[in-house]
N, C-alpha and C. Protein backbone atom coordinates (compact mmCIF):
# COMPACT_ATOMS: atom_id res chain seq x y z
N MET A 1 35.56 27.56 -66.28
CA MET A 1 34.90 27.06 -64.95
C MET A 1 35.18 25.71 -64.82
N PHE A 2 34.83 24.82 -65.91
CA PHE A 2 34.99 23.26 -65.87
C PHE A 2 36.32 22.91 -65.39
N LYS A 3 37.25 23.43 -65.90
CA LYS A 3 38.60 23.20 -65.41
C LYS A 3 38.84 23.43 -64.13
N MET A 4 38.34 24.48 -63.44
CA MET A 4 38.46 25.04 -62.29
C MET A 4 37.83 24.12 -61.14
N VAL A 5 36.70 23.45 -61.59
CA VAL A 5 36.03 22.51 -60.73
C VAL A 5 36.77 21.10 -60.69
N LYS A 6 37.59 20.99 -61.85
CA LYS A 6 38.24 19.87 -61.96
C LYS A 6 39.67 19.75 -61.08
N SER A 7 40.16 20.89 -61.07
CA SER A 7 41.32 21.20 -60.37
C SER A 7 41.12 21.13 -58.69
N TRP A 8 39.86 21.68 -58.45
CA TRP A 8 39.56 21.75 -56.96
C TRP A 8 39.18 20.31 -56.62
N GLU A 9 38.61 19.32 -57.37
CA GLU A 9 38.26 17.93 -57.14
C GLU A 9 39.60 17.11 -57.00
N ARG A 10 40.70 17.53 -57.86
CA ARG A 10 41.91 16.84 -57.68
C ARG A 10 42.54 17.19 -56.31
N VAL A 11 42.55 18.52 -55.79
CA VAL A 11 43.12 18.96 -54.75
C VAL A 11 42.48 18.39 -53.67
N LEU A 12 41.12 18.27 -53.53
CA LEU A 12 40.34 17.86 -52.43
C LEU A 12 40.54 16.34 -52.34
N LEU A 13 40.68 15.61 -53.39
CA LEU A 13 41.11 14.31 -53.45
C LEU A 13 42.43 13.95 -52.98
N ALA A 14 43.45 14.86 -53.17
CA ALA A 14 44.81 14.55 -52.64
C ALA A 14 44.78 14.99 -51.12
N ILE A 15 44.02 15.88 -50.99
CA ILE A 15 43.82 16.35 -49.24
C ILE A 15 43.62 14.95 -48.45
N LEU A 16 42.33 14.34 -49.20
CA LEU A 16 41.66 13.30 -48.35
C LEU A 16 42.62 12.04 -48.35
N LEU A 17 43.41 11.83 -49.53
CA LEU A 17 44.38 10.89 -49.68
C LEU A 17 45.50 10.95 -48.61
N LEU A 18 45.93 12.23 -48.56
CA LEU A 18 47.09 12.46 -47.43
C LEU A 18 46.63 12.36 -45.99
N ILE A 19 45.25 12.81 -45.62
CA ILE A 19 44.60 12.41 -44.24
C ILE A 19 44.49 10.97 -44.14
N SER A 20 44.11 10.24 -45.08
CA SER A 20 43.99 8.68 -44.84
C SER A 20 45.29 8.12 -44.42
N TYR A 21 46.34 8.58 -45.40
CA TYR A 21 47.70 7.95 -45.16
C TYR A 21 48.24 8.49 -43.78
N ALA A 22 48.03 9.63 -43.34
CA ALA A 22 48.23 9.98 -41.95
C ALA A 22 47.77 9.34 -41.00
N CYS A 23 46.49 9.10 -41.23
CA CYS A 23 45.72 8.24 -40.07
C CYS A 23 46.19 6.61 -39.99
N ILE A 24 46.63 6.11 -41.04
CA ILE A 24 47.00 4.86 -41.33
C ILE A 24 48.58 4.87 -40.56
N TYR A 25 49.16 5.74 -40.88
CA TYR A 25 50.61 5.86 -40.41
C TYR A 25 50.54 5.93 -38.96
N MET A 26 49.69 7.01 -38.16
CA MET A 26 49.68 7.08 -36.83
C MET A 26 49.28 5.66 -36.12
N GLU A 27 48.18 5.05 -36.72
CA GLU A 27 47.82 3.86 -36.18
C GLU A 27 48.69 2.77 -36.27
N PHE A 28 49.69 2.90 -37.20
CA PHE A 28 50.64 1.70 -37.45
C PHE A 28 51.70 1.84 -36.46
N TRP A 29 52.17 3.13 -36.29
CA TRP A 29 53.41 3.46 -35.55
C TRP A 29 53.16 3.82 -34.02
N LYS A 30 51.93 3.89 -33.65
CA LYS A 30 51.50 4.25 -32.28
C LYS A 30 51.96 3.15 -31.22
N PRO A 31 52.62 3.34 -30.23
CA PRO A 31 53.03 2.44 -29.16
C PRO A 31 52.16 1.53 -28.74
N ARG A 32 52.70 0.18 -28.75
CA ARG A 32 51.81 -0.94 -28.20
C ARG A 32 51.55 -0.99 -26.69
N CYS A 33 52.64 -0.34 -25.99
CA CYS A 33 52.46 -0.05 -24.65
C CYS A 33 52.50 1.28 -24.04
N MET A 34 51.92 1.79 -23.39
CA MET A 34 51.97 3.00 -22.88
C MET A 34 52.83 3.01 -21.39
N LYS A 35 53.49 4.18 -21.27
CA LYS A 35 54.36 4.32 -20.12
C LYS A 35 53.54 4.34 -18.75
N PRO A 36 53.85 3.76 -17.82
CA PRO A 36 55.16 3.15 -17.52
C PRO A 36 55.35 1.53 -17.92
N PHE A 37 54.40 1.02 -18.59
CA PHE A 37 54.59 -0.19 -19.02
C PHE A 37 55.50 -0.17 -20.34
N VAL A 38 56.30 -1.23 -20.47
CA VAL A 38 57.45 -1.52 -21.42
C VAL A 38 57.04 -2.65 -22.37
N GLU A 39 57.31 -2.61 -23.71
CA GLU A 39 57.12 -3.83 -24.62
C GLU A 39 58.46 -4.63 -24.44
N ILE A 40 57.93 -5.93 -24.15
CA ILE A 40 59.16 -6.97 -24.23
C ILE A 40 58.39 -8.19 -24.77
N GLY A 41 58.89 -8.66 -25.97
CA GLY A 41 58.15 -9.70 -26.61
C GLY A 41 56.90 -9.39 -27.14
N ASN A 42 55.94 -10.17 -26.61
CA ASN A 42 54.51 -9.85 -26.96
C ASN A 42 53.71 -9.42 -26.01
N SER A 43 54.11 -8.77 -25.03
CA SER A 43 53.25 -8.11 -23.87
C SER A 43 54.04 -6.99 -23.51
N CYS A 44 53.01 -6.18 -22.66
CA CYS A 44 53.57 -4.86 -21.92
C CYS A 44 53.82 -5.16 -20.35
N TYR A 45 54.98 -4.80 -19.95
CA TYR A 45 55.26 -5.27 -18.54
C TYR A 45 55.43 -3.78 -17.74
N PHE A 46 55.14 -3.99 -16.34
CA PHE A 46 55.44 -2.76 -15.46
C PHE A 46 56.42 -3.48 -14.60
N PHE A 47 57.64 -2.77 -14.21
CA PHE A 47 58.38 -3.30 -13.28
C PHE A 47 58.27 -2.21 -12.22
N SER A 48 58.24 -2.80 -10.78
CA SER A 48 57.95 -1.85 -9.66
C SER A 48 59.24 -1.24 -9.33
N THR A 49 60.41 -1.54 -9.80
CA THR A 49 61.87 -1.13 -9.63
C THR A 49 62.36 -0.18 -10.63
N ASN A 50 61.24 0.33 -11.52
CA ASN A 50 61.78 1.02 -12.87
C ASN A 50 61.97 2.35 -12.56
N LYS A 51 62.11 2.82 -11.08
CA LYS A 51 62.86 4.06 -10.70
C LYS A 51 64.10 3.65 -10.09
N ALA A 52 64.64 4.78 -9.57
CA ALA A 52 65.90 4.62 -8.68
C ALA A 52 65.87 3.70 -7.67
N PRO A 53 66.77 2.73 -7.16
CA PRO A 53 66.57 1.98 -6.35
C PRO A 53 66.40 2.47 -4.77
N THR A 54 66.72 3.61 -4.79
CA THR A 54 66.40 4.14 -3.45
C THR A 54 65.01 4.73 -3.18
N TYR A 55 64.00 4.65 -4.10
CA TYR A 55 62.81 4.96 -3.95
C TYR A 55 62.16 3.81 -3.19
N GLU A 56 61.18 4.27 -2.18
CA GLU A 56 60.22 3.14 -1.53
C GLU A 56 58.85 3.48 -2.21
N TYR A 57 58.47 4.83 -2.59
CA TYR A 57 57.14 4.86 -3.30
C TYR A 57 57.68 6.05 -4.26
N TYR A 58 56.93 5.93 -5.42
CA TYR A 58 57.25 7.10 -6.36
C TYR A 58 55.83 7.27 -7.24
N LYS A 59 55.75 8.34 -7.89
CA LYS A 59 54.73 8.58 -8.86
C LYS A 59 54.71 7.97 -10.17
N VAL A 60 53.54 7.55 -10.44
CA VAL A 60 53.42 6.97 -11.98
C VAL A 60 52.35 7.53 -12.52
N SER A 61 52.47 7.88 -13.70
CA SER A 61 51.10 8.50 -14.37
C SER A 61 50.70 7.44 -15.53
N TYR A 62 49.70 7.34 -15.62
CA TYR A 62 49.05 6.24 -16.51
C TYR A 62 47.68 6.52 -16.75
N ASN A 63 47.29 6.35 -18.01
CA ASN A 63 46.04 6.68 -18.55
C ASN A 63 45.43 7.90 -17.75
N GLY A 64 46.12 8.96 -17.75
CA GLY A 64 45.52 10.09 -17.13
C GLY A 64 45.47 10.23 -15.71
N ARG A 65 45.85 9.36 -15.01
CA ARG A 65 45.80 9.25 -13.42
C ARG A 65 47.22 9.10 -12.99
N ILE A 66 47.39 9.52 -11.69
CA ILE A 66 48.73 9.56 -10.87
C ILE A 66 48.42 8.43 -9.93
N PHE A 67 49.51 7.65 -9.79
CA PHE A 67 49.33 6.71 -8.64
C PHE A 67 50.72 6.67 -7.89
N SER A 68 50.63 6.38 -6.61
CA SER A 68 51.88 6.15 -5.70
C SER A 68 52.16 4.80 -5.65
N VAL A 69 53.29 4.39 -6.14
CA VAL A 69 53.55 2.95 -6.25
C VAL A 69 54.70 2.60 -5.34
N PRO A 70 54.37 1.39 -4.62
CA PRO A 70 55.55 0.95 -3.68
C PRO A 70 56.32 0.15 -4.43
N ALA A 71 57.74 0.02 -4.30
CA ALA A 71 58.52 -0.77 -4.84
C ALA A 71 58.33 -2.19 -4.42
N MET A 72 57.96 -2.44 -3.26
CA MET A 72 57.92 -3.60 -2.49
C MET A 72 56.68 -3.88 -1.85
N LEU A 73 55.98 -5.02 -2.12
CA LEU A 73 54.87 -5.46 -1.57
C LEU A 73 54.79 -6.73 -1.41
N ASP A 74 53.89 -7.46 -0.45
CA ASP A 74 53.57 -8.98 -0.45
C ASP A 74 52.81 -9.27 -1.82
N TRP A 75 52.66 -10.65 -1.99
CA TRP A 75 52.10 -11.28 -3.20
C TRP A 75 50.77 -10.80 -3.44
N LEU A 76 49.77 -10.70 -2.37
CA LEU A 76 48.38 -10.56 -2.55
C LEU A 76 48.33 -9.00 -3.23
N HIS A 77 49.44 -8.04 -2.29
CA HIS A 77 48.90 -6.78 -2.65
C HIS A 77 49.61 -6.22 -3.78
N ALA A 78 50.70 -7.04 -4.25
CA ALA A 78 51.34 -6.77 -5.52
C ALA A 78 50.21 -6.90 -6.62
N GLY A 79 49.69 -7.98 -6.57
CA GLY A 79 48.41 -8.33 -7.61
C GLY A 79 47.53 -7.20 -7.69
N PHE A 80 47.19 -6.83 -6.56
CA PHE A 80 46.33 -5.51 -6.46
C PHE A 80 46.67 -4.30 -7.13
N ALA A 81 48.12 -4.06 -6.86
CA ALA A 81 48.69 -3.00 -7.28
C ALA A 81 48.73 -3.07 -8.78
N CYS A 82 48.91 -4.26 -9.44
CA CYS A 82 48.99 -4.34 -11.14
C CYS A 82 47.54 -4.03 -11.57
N GLU A 83 46.49 -4.46 -10.80
CA GLU A 83 44.97 -4.24 -11.16
C GLU A 83 44.72 -2.87 -11.05
N THR A 84 45.17 -2.19 -10.02
CA THR A 84 45.04 -0.74 -9.84
C THR A 84 45.59 0.16 -11.04
N LEU A 85 46.79 -0.33 -11.52
CA LEU A 85 47.31 0.47 -12.76
C LEU A 85 46.53 0.29 -14.04
N ASP A 86 46.04 -0.77 -14.18
CA ASP A 86 45.22 -1.23 -15.33
C ASP A 86 44.27 -2.35 -14.94
N SER A 87 43.01 -2.36 -15.19
CA SER A 87 42.01 -3.45 -14.85
C SER A 87 42.57 -4.72 -15.55
N ASN A 88 43.13 -4.69 -16.71
CA ASN A 88 43.61 -5.85 -17.67
C ASN A 88 45.15 -6.33 -17.08
N ALA A 89 45.92 -5.77 -16.42
CA ALA A 89 47.04 -5.93 -15.90
C ALA A 89 46.93 -6.90 -14.63
N LYS A 90 47.91 -8.04 -14.64
CA LYS A 90 48.15 -8.86 -13.74
C LYS A 90 49.56 -9.22 -13.19
N LEU A 91 49.86 -9.82 -12.19
CA LEU A 91 51.21 -10.25 -12.02
C LEU A 91 51.51 -11.23 -13.14
N VAL A 92 52.94 -11.06 -13.40
CA VAL A 92 53.38 -11.65 -14.72
C VAL A 92 53.31 -13.17 -14.83
N SER A 93 53.03 -13.80 -15.94
CA SER A 93 53.13 -15.16 -16.07
C SER A 93 54.18 -15.56 -17.18
N ILE A 94 55.05 -16.35 -16.82
CA ILE A 94 55.92 -16.61 -17.85
C ILE A 94 55.78 -18.02 -18.45
N GLU A 95 55.66 -18.01 -19.61
CA GLU A 95 55.01 -19.38 -20.36
C GLU A 95 55.77 -20.01 -21.23
N SER A 96 57.12 -19.52 -21.32
CA SER A 96 57.88 -20.21 -22.29
C SER A 96 59.33 -19.91 -21.77
N ALA A 97 60.40 -20.51 -22.48
CA ALA A 97 61.83 -20.13 -21.97
C ALA A 97 62.28 -19.05 -22.71
N GLU A 98 61.76 -18.76 -23.94
CA GLU A 98 62.09 -17.74 -24.70
C GLU A 98 61.51 -16.16 -23.72
N GLU A 99 60.25 -16.33 -23.30
CA GLU A 99 59.76 -15.17 -22.53
C GLU A 99 60.62 -15.04 -21.39
N MET A 100 60.94 -16.18 -20.60
CA MET A 100 62.07 -15.99 -19.68
C MET A 100 63.23 -15.23 -19.77
N ARG A 101 63.74 -15.69 -21.01
CA ARG A 101 65.15 -15.13 -21.46
C ARG A 101 64.91 -13.56 -21.72
N TYR A 102 63.75 -13.17 -22.47
CA TYR A 102 63.39 -11.76 -22.64
C TYR A 102 63.26 -11.06 -21.35
N MET A 103 62.73 -11.46 -20.39
CA MET A 103 62.56 -10.87 -18.97
C MET A 103 63.96 -10.83 -18.45
N ALA A 104 64.78 -11.69 -18.19
CA ALA A 104 66.08 -11.81 -17.74
C ALA A 104 66.95 -10.71 -18.36
N ASN A 105 66.99 -10.39 -19.90
CA ASN A 105 67.63 -9.60 -20.41
C ASN A 105 67.43 -8.30 -20.00
N TYR A 106 65.94 -7.83 -19.92
CA TYR A 106 65.37 -6.63 -19.56
C TYR A 106 65.81 -6.29 -18.22
N MET A 107 65.51 -7.38 -17.38
CA MET A 107 65.71 -7.04 -15.95
C MET A 107 67.16 -6.73 -15.27
N ARG A 108 67.88 -7.45 -16.07
CA ARG A 108 69.46 -7.08 -15.83
C ARG A 108 69.86 -5.68 -16.00
N ARG A 109 69.34 -5.02 -17.36
CA ARG A 109 69.84 -4.12 -17.79
C ARG A 109 68.96 -2.85 -17.18
N TYR A 110 67.63 -2.76 -16.82
CA TYR A 110 66.87 -1.61 -16.52
C TYR A 110 65.95 -1.84 -15.26
N ALA A 111 65.89 -2.92 -14.67
CA ALA A 111 64.96 -3.15 -13.53
C ALA A 111 65.80 -2.99 -12.10
N HIS A 112 66.98 -2.57 -12.08
CA HIS A 112 67.88 -2.59 -10.90
C HIS A 112 67.98 -3.98 -10.30
N ALA A 113 68.20 -4.93 -11.15
CA ALA A 113 68.49 -6.42 -10.65
C ALA A 113 69.35 -6.42 -9.61
N ASN A 114 70.42 -5.47 -9.66
CA ASN A 114 71.47 -5.69 -8.52
C ASN A 114 71.05 -5.35 -7.13
N ASN A 115 70.05 -4.48 -7.30
CA ASN A 115 69.39 -4.02 -5.81
C ASN A 115 68.44 -4.60 -5.48
N HIS A 116 67.40 -5.11 -6.53
CA HIS A 116 66.10 -6.09 -6.34
C HIS A 116 66.30 -7.19 -7.25
N SER A 117 66.79 -8.33 -6.75
CA SER A 117 67.03 -9.36 -7.43
C SER A 117 65.89 -10.35 -7.49
N PHE A 118 64.85 -10.13 -6.62
CA PHE A 118 63.58 -10.92 -6.57
C PHE A 118 62.42 -10.27 -6.66
N PHE A 119 61.68 -10.83 -7.79
CA PHE A 119 60.48 -10.29 -8.13
C PHE A 119 59.16 -11.25 -8.23
N TRP A 120 58.08 -10.82 -7.40
CA TRP A 120 56.82 -11.55 -7.34
C TRP A 120 56.36 -11.68 -8.96
N SER A 121 56.01 -13.09 -9.14
CA SER A 121 55.14 -13.26 -10.54
C SER A 121 53.70 -13.68 -9.92
N GLY A 122 52.99 -14.14 -11.08
CA GLY A 122 51.42 -14.54 -10.74
C GLY A 122 51.44 -16.03 -10.38
N GLY A 123 52.51 -16.75 -10.24
CA GLY A 123 52.33 -18.13 -9.93
C GLY A 123 52.05 -18.61 -8.51
N HIS A 124 51.48 -19.64 -8.25
CA HIS A 124 50.96 -19.88 -6.88
C HIS A 124 50.73 -21.47 -6.90
N ARG A 125 50.90 -22.17 -5.83
CA ARG A 125 50.60 -23.43 -5.56
C ARG A 125 49.12 -23.66 -5.40
N GLY A 126 48.38 -24.53 -5.98
CA GLY A 126 47.13 -24.91 -5.85
C GLY A 126 46.31 -24.14 -7.01
N ASN A 127 44.93 -24.77 -7.41
CA ASN A 127 43.97 -24.20 -8.07
C ASN A 127 43.18 -23.11 -7.43
N LEU A 128 43.45 -21.84 -7.63
CA LEU A 128 42.68 -20.83 -6.96
C LEU A 128 41.18 -20.79 -7.72
N GLY A 129 41.00 -21.32 -9.19
CA GLY A 129 39.92 -21.10 -9.77
C GLY A 129 38.79 -22.09 -9.62
N ALA A 130 39.25 -23.11 -8.58
CA ALA A 130 38.22 -24.32 -8.44
C ALA A 130 37.14 -23.88 -7.24
N ARG A 131 36.09 -24.25 -7.54
CA ARG A 131 34.89 -23.73 -6.66
C ARG A 131 34.90 -24.42 -5.44
N GLN A 132 35.68 -25.56 -5.37
CA GLN A 132 35.75 -26.21 -3.87
C GLN A 132 37.35 -26.45 -3.81
N PHE A 133 37.73 -26.43 -2.66
CA PHE A 133 39.26 -26.74 -2.49
C PHE A 133 39.73 -28.13 -2.83
N ASP A 134 40.61 -28.03 -3.72
CA ASP A 134 41.15 -29.45 -4.18
C ASP A 134 42.62 -29.75 -3.80
N GLN A 135 42.43 -30.64 -2.84
CA GLN A 135 43.78 -30.74 -1.92
C GLN A 135 44.79 -31.48 -2.98
N HIS A 136 44.72 -32.04 -4.07
CA HIS A 136 45.38 -32.68 -4.99
C HIS A 136 46.12 -31.69 -5.81
N SER A 137 45.40 -30.49 -5.95
CA SER A 137 46.03 -29.60 -6.72
C SER A 137 47.05 -28.74 -6.15
N MET A 138 47.31 -29.06 -4.90
CA MET A 138 48.37 -28.24 -4.12
C MET A 138 49.52 -28.91 -4.48
N GLU A 139 49.58 -29.99 -5.28
CA GLU A 139 50.95 -30.53 -5.63
C GLU A 139 51.52 -29.86 -6.89
N ASN A 140 50.71 -28.97 -7.61
CA ASN A 140 51.09 -28.51 -8.78
C ASN A 140 51.00 -27.05 -8.54
N PHE A 141 51.56 -26.16 -9.56
CA PHE A 141 51.68 -24.61 -9.54
C PHE A 141 50.73 -24.23 -10.66
N TYR A 142 50.19 -22.93 -10.45
CA TYR A 142 49.17 -22.46 -11.55
C TYR A 142 49.71 -20.94 -11.78
N TRP A 143 48.99 -20.55 -12.95
CA TRP A 143 49.13 -18.91 -13.02
C TRP A 143 47.65 -18.63 -12.77
N HIS A 144 47.62 -17.50 -11.80
CA HIS A 144 46.40 -16.87 -11.45
C HIS A 144 45.37 -17.76 -11.34
N TYR A 145 44.04 -17.77 -12.18
CA TYR A 145 42.80 -18.48 -12.05
C TYR A 145 42.94 -19.65 -13.11
N GLU A 146 43.83 -19.96 -13.71
CA GLU A 146 43.86 -20.87 -14.69
C GLU A 146 43.51 -22.20 -14.01
N SER A 147 42.84 -23.15 -15.05
CA SER A 147 42.31 -24.35 -14.45
C SER A 147 43.43 -25.43 -14.75
N LEU A 148 44.45 -25.21 -15.38
CA LEU A 148 45.42 -26.42 -15.81
C LEU A 148 46.68 -25.70 -15.07
N PRO A 149 47.56 -26.84 -14.82
CA PRO A 149 48.85 -26.38 -13.99
C PRO A 149 49.86 -25.77 -15.04
N MET A 150 50.87 -25.03 -14.56
CA MET A 150 51.99 -24.43 -15.56
C MET A 150 52.27 -25.44 -16.65
N ASN A 151 52.54 -24.93 -17.88
CA ASN A 151 53.01 -25.71 -18.89
C ASN A 151 54.67 -25.53 -19.02
N TYR A 152 55.13 -24.47 -18.34
CA TYR A 152 56.62 -24.27 -18.47
C TYR A 152 56.95 -23.76 -17.00
N THR A 153 58.04 -24.26 -16.45
CA THR A 153 58.62 -23.98 -15.23
C THR A 153 60.09 -24.17 -15.32
N ASN A 154 60.87 -23.36 -14.65
CA ASN A 154 62.33 -23.61 -14.52
C ASN A 154 62.93 -23.29 -13.00
N PHE A 155 62.04 -24.20 -12.14
CA PHE A 155 62.52 -24.09 -10.69
C PHE A 155 64.04 -24.64 -10.78
N ASP A 156 64.68 -23.96 -9.77
CA ASP A 156 66.09 -24.61 -9.28
C ASP A 156 65.90 -26.04 -8.99
N GLN A 157 67.01 -26.84 -9.04
CA GLN A 157 66.89 -28.13 -9.08
C GLN A 157 66.49 -28.49 -7.55
N ARG A 158 67.42 -27.91 -6.63
CA ARG A 158 67.22 -28.02 -5.31
C ARG A 158 65.65 -27.63 -4.88
N GLU A 159 65.12 -26.73 -5.26
CA GLU A 159 63.78 -26.29 -5.23
C GLU A 159 62.93 -27.41 -5.60
N ALA A 160 63.18 -27.92 -6.86
CA ALA A 160 62.29 -29.15 -7.63
C ALA A 160 62.18 -30.39 -6.61
N ASP A 161 63.53 -30.54 -6.09
CA ASP A 161 63.75 -31.72 -5.10
C ASP A 161 62.50 -31.47 -3.91
N GLU A 162 62.66 -30.25 -3.48
CA GLU A 162 61.94 -29.91 -2.22
C GLU A 162 60.47 -29.92 -2.40
N ARG A 163 59.90 -30.04 -3.79
CA ARG A 163 58.59 -29.88 -3.91
C ARG A 163 57.91 -31.17 -3.47
N SER A 164 58.49 -32.21 -3.40
CA SER A 164 57.97 -33.38 -3.10
C SER A 164 57.55 -33.40 -1.15
N LYS A 165 58.37 -32.61 -0.72
CA LYS A 165 57.98 -32.32 0.61
C LYS A 165 56.59 -31.50 0.83
N ARG A 166 56.13 -31.43 2.00
CA ARG A 166 54.60 -30.80 2.20
C ARG A 166 55.18 -29.38 2.32
N TYR A 167 54.85 -28.56 1.07
CA TYR A 167 54.86 -27.13 1.19
C TYR A 167 56.12 -26.59 1.74
N PRO A 168 57.14 -26.89 1.35
CA PRO A 168 58.51 -26.51 2.10
C PRO A 168 58.81 -25.06 2.17
N SER A 169 58.67 -24.23 0.91
CA SER A 169 59.03 -22.78 0.88
C SER A 169 57.96 -21.88 0.67
N GLY A 170 56.74 -22.25 0.72
CA GLY A 170 55.56 -21.36 0.71
C GLY A 170 54.77 -21.71 -0.59
N PHE A 171 53.90 -20.80 -1.02
CA PHE A 171 52.86 -21.09 -1.97
C PHE A 171 52.92 -20.11 -3.08
N CYS A 172 53.73 -18.97 -3.07
CA CYS A 172 53.79 -18.10 -4.27
C CYS A 172 55.09 -18.12 -4.90
N ILE A 173 55.04 -17.82 -6.18
CA ILE A 173 56.36 -18.05 -7.04
C ILE A 173 56.81 -16.76 -7.18
N TYR A 174 58.12 -16.55 -6.97
CA TYR A 174 58.95 -15.31 -7.43
C TYR A 174 60.14 -15.68 -8.49
N LEU A 175 60.63 -14.74 -9.21
CA LEU A 175 61.51 -14.87 -9.73
C LEU A 175 62.99 -14.42 -9.27
N ASP A 176 64.11 -15.10 -9.48
CA ASP A 176 65.24 -14.93 -8.79
C ASP A 176 66.35 -15.16 -9.71
N PHE A 177 67.36 -14.22 -9.78
CA PHE A 177 68.64 -14.44 -10.53
C PHE A 177 69.63 -15.25 -9.64
N VAL A 178 69.99 -16.30 -10.57
CA VAL A 178 71.19 -17.02 -10.23
C VAL A 178 72.13 -16.91 -11.02
N GLU A 179 73.18 -16.04 -10.69
CA GLU A 179 74.30 -15.56 -11.75
C GLU A 179 73.46 -15.15 -12.91
N SER A 180 73.55 -15.39 -14.04
CA SER A 180 72.98 -14.72 -15.04
C SER A 180 71.52 -15.53 -15.55
N GLU A 181 70.96 -16.19 -14.78
CA GLU A 181 69.76 -16.88 -15.10
C GLU A 181 68.78 -16.62 -14.24
N LEU A 182 67.44 -16.25 -14.90
CA LEU A 182 66.41 -16.08 -14.10
C LEU A 182 65.74 -17.19 -14.00
N ILE A 183 65.37 -17.71 -12.47
CA ILE A 183 64.83 -18.83 -12.19
C ILE A 183 63.64 -18.69 -11.35
N MET A 184 62.72 -19.62 -11.36
CA MET A 184 61.47 -19.75 -10.19
C MET A 184 61.81 -20.13 -8.93
N ARG A 185 61.30 -19.57 -7.98
CA ARG A 185 61.62 -20.21 -6.48
C ARG A 185 59.98 -20.04 -5.90
N THR A 186 59.74 -20.53 -4.85
CA THR A 186 58.59 -20.38 -3.89
C THR A 186 59.04 -19.83 -2.66
N ALA A 187 58.07 -18.99 -2.16
CA ALA A 187 58.29 -18.18 -0.86
C ALA A 187 56.77 -17.93 0.03
N ASN A 188 56.99 -17.65 1.09
CA ASN A 188 55.73 -17.29 1.71
C ASN A 188 55.17 -16.04 1.20
N CYS A 189 53.97 -16.11 1.07
CA CYS A 189 53.24 -15.12 0.16
C CYS A 189 53.38 -13.73 0.79
N LYS A 190 53.73 -13.71 2.28
CA LYS A 190 53.71 -12.63 3.07
C LYS A 190 54.80 -11.64 2.90
N HIS A 191 55.93 -12.37 2.31
CA HIS A 191 57.32 -11.49 2.32
C HIS A 191 57.02 -10.33 1.26
N GLN A 192 57.67 -9.24 1.48
CA GLN A 192 57.49 -8.26 0.64
C GLN A 192 58.80 -8.29 -0.25
N MET A 193 58.51 -8.01 -1.52
CA MET A 193 59.59 -7.98 -2.80
C MET A 193 59.02 -7.03 -3.76
N ALA A 194 60.02 -6.78 -4.82
CA ALA A 194 59.40 -6.18 -5.82
C ALA A 194 58.71 -7.06 -6.69
N PHE A 195 58.07 -6.61 -7.75
CA PHE A 195 56.91 -7.35 -8.42
C PHE A 195 56.92 -6.81 -10.00
N VAL A 196 56.53 -7.65 -10.96
CA VAL A 196 56.32 -7.42 -12.17
C VAL A 196 54.85 -7.49 -12.71
N CYS A 197 54.22 -6.70 -13.49
CA CYS A 197 52.99 -6.68 -13.89
C CYS A 197 53.00 -6.96 -15.41
N GLU A 198 51.91 -7.50 -15.84
CA GLU A 198 51.95 -7.82 -17.28
C GLU A 198 50.68 -7.31 -17.93
N LEU A 199 50.62 -6.92 -19.13
CA LEU A 199 49.41 -6.30 -19.67
C LEU A 199 49.49 -6.62 -21.19
N PRO A 200 48.28 -7.22 -21.78
CA PRO A 200 48.41 -7.58 -23.10
C PRO A 200 48.64 -6.29 -24.02
N TRP A 201 49.17 -6.38 -25.03
CA TRP A 201 49.23 -5.35 -26.26
C TRP A 201 47.82 -4.54 -26.22
N LEU A 202 48.13 -3.27 -26.35
CA LEU A 202 46.84 -2.31 -26.45
C LEU A 202 46.12 -2.57 -27.82
N ARG A 203 46.79 -3.12 -28.81
CA ARG A 203 46.15 -3.41 -30.03
C ARG A 203 46.58 -4.63 -30.64
């Protein structure tokens, strides 16, 4: 009888260990990004052109909800579309040359860059987070509601030269392919184009 109890304890212990290992394995291997977001570098991204380029609207399933997503929107509504998909998502912020390179590599291969070569980002001219309008902040570009200007940019040189003029091309930043390089440009925020949303890792 004593031996039977011991053997049952060993079996129970083995089962508990297997369950623990399974939970750890599932936690470790679960994806950081849920579809339709894709993992690139240290974030999750959604591309409004991740369906065939002939689509104007298409269905996206995320967090148990179904969305009808336009492929092209103006800057303001593109930001709303990101927040509708996930309350933590926003238009993409590119904060390093490495992140820009990751984005360019992915977009060339999977985001139909041949058909949609322009993508809204979350960049804009002027500090939107200030309580009062700051005329001097209009000389710089910011990501969303951050209080400090961008620490990384890669504007085309012609565009950089134009920045000394008074708001020559618009207030909002989009990403544009020039040959194989992805660069920043400015445009009127009312233009409709494809867009990229960014979401922090789920864990």
